[in-house]
Amino acid sequence: MAIFEATHGSAPRYKGLDKVNPVAMILSGMLMLEHLGEVDASERLEAAVAKVIAEGKHVTYDLKDDRDDPTAVGTRAMGDAIVAALGR
């Protein structure tokens, strides 16, 4: 038996605001894939997350040097960037 969840909590005050970093939830899914024996998929997902963060272009405000950086993206845009990185 295994449980996979983001450890940061649900952050209800940010619900529907499209501003929260999705990485904790995505990496929980990565750990689930690994647990299920889908090692290649798990490694590809982890690499895609790392690539997006390293590029620093499509990341949420908390991953910017300045939290008021106007180039910060929302939850959906960062998730879309990670999905796009899976195809590279």
Protein backbone atom coordinates (compact mmCIF):
# COMPACT_ATOMS: atom_id res chain seq x y z
CA MET A 1 0.00 0.00 0.00
CA ALA A 2 1.21 3.50 -0.76
CA ILE A 3 -0.11 7.06 -0.50
CA PHE A 4 1.00 9.96 -2.67
CA GLU A 5 0.15 13.56 -1.88
CA ALA A 6 1.67 17.00 -1.99
CA THR A 7 3.15 17.72 1.42
CA HIS A 8 2.45 21.44 1.42
CA GLY A 9 -1.25 21.11 2.15
CA SER A 10 -4.25 22.26 0.18
CA ALA A 11 -3.75 26.07 0.36
CA PRO A 12 -7.51 26.80 0.20
CA ARG A 13 -7.03 30.58 0.19
CA TYR A 14 -5.44 30.25 -3.27
CA LYS A 15 -8.23 28.11 -4.73
CA GLY A 16 -9.13 29.21 -8.23
CA LEU A 17 -6.46 31.93 -8.37
CA ASP A 18 -4.12 30.12 -10.80
CA LYS A 19 -0.99 31.16 -8.92
CA VAL A 20 0.18 28.18 -6.85
CA ASN A 21 3.24 26.16 -7.81
CA PRO A 22 2.04 22.76 -9.13
CA VAL A 23 5.36 20.92 -8.71
CA ALA A 24 4.62 19.20 -5.38
CA MET A 25 1.49 17.59 -6.81
CA ILE A 26 3.22 16.66 -10.06
CA LEU A 27 6.16 15.09 -8.23
CA SER A 28 3.71 13.12 -6.10
CA GLY A 29 2.42 11.67 -9.35
CA MET A 30 6.01 10.98 -10.39
CA LEU A 31 6.55 8.99 -7.20
CA MET A 32 3.34 7.05 -7.86
CA LEU A 33 4.54 6.17 -11.37
CA GLU A 34 7.83 4.94 -9.92
CA HIS A 35 6.00 2.88 -7.30
CA LEU A 36 3.86 1.31 -10.03
CA GLY A 37 6.98 0.27 -11.94
CA GLU A 38 6.61 2.95 -14.62
CA VAL A 39 10.22 3.99 -14.15
CA ASP A 40 10.71 5.47 -17.62
CA ALA A 41 7.61 7.65 -17.30
CA SER A 42 8.66 8.67 -13.79
CA GLU A 43 12.13 9.68 -14.93
CA ARG A 44 10.77 11.57 -17.94
CA LEU A 45 8.36 13.52 -15.72
CA GLU A 46 11.07 14.36 -13.20
CA ALA A 47 13.37 15.53 -16.01
CA ALA A 48 10.61 17.71 -17.49
CA VAL A 49 9.99 19.39 -14.13
CA ALA A 50 13.72 19.96 -13.65
CA LYS A 51 14.05 21.42 -17.15
CA VAL A 52 11.22 23.92 -16.65
CA ILE A 53 12.57 25.01 -13.28
CA ALA A 54 16.13 25.31 -14.62
CA GLU A 55 14.97 27.41 -17.58
CA GLY A 56 13.12 29.68 -15.14
CA LYS A 57 10.89 31.13 -17.85
CA HIS A 58 7.55 29.43 -17.16
CA VAL A 59 7.61 29.23 -13.37
CA THR A 60 5.35 30.54 -10.63
CA TYR A 61 6.22 33.58 -8.55
CA ASP A 62 7.76 31.55 -5.72
CA LEU A 63 10.48 30.26 -8.05
CA LYS A 64 11.51 33.72 -9.25
CA ASP A 65 14.33 35.71 -7.65
CA ASP A 66 11.83 38.51 -7.02
CA ARG A 67 8.36 37.38 -5.94
CA ASP A 68 6.92 40.44 -7.70
CA ASP A 69 8.52 39.48 -11.03
CA PRO A 70 5.89 40.24 -13.70
CA THR A 71 7.14 37.34 -15.86
CA ALA A 72 5.92 34.77 -13.32
CA VAL A 73 3.23 32.48 -14.70
CA GLY A 74 0.26 30.79 -13.08
CA THR A 75 -0.35 27.19 -12.10
CA ARG A 76 -1.84 26.20 -15.45
CA ALA A 77 0.93 27.80 -17.54
CA MET A 78 3.64 26.11 -15.50
CA GLY A 79 1.85 22.78 -15.79
CA ASP A 80 1.52 23.30 -19.55
CA ALA A 81 5.26 24.06 -19.76
CA ILE A 82 6.04 20.80 -17.95
CA VAL A 83 3.78 18.87 -20.32
CA ALA A 84 5.49 20.53 -23.28
CA ALA A 85 8.91 19.61 -21.83
CA LEU A 86 7.83 15.96 -21.77
CA GLY A 87 7.71 16.07 -25.56
CA ARG A 88 11.21 17.45 -25.97
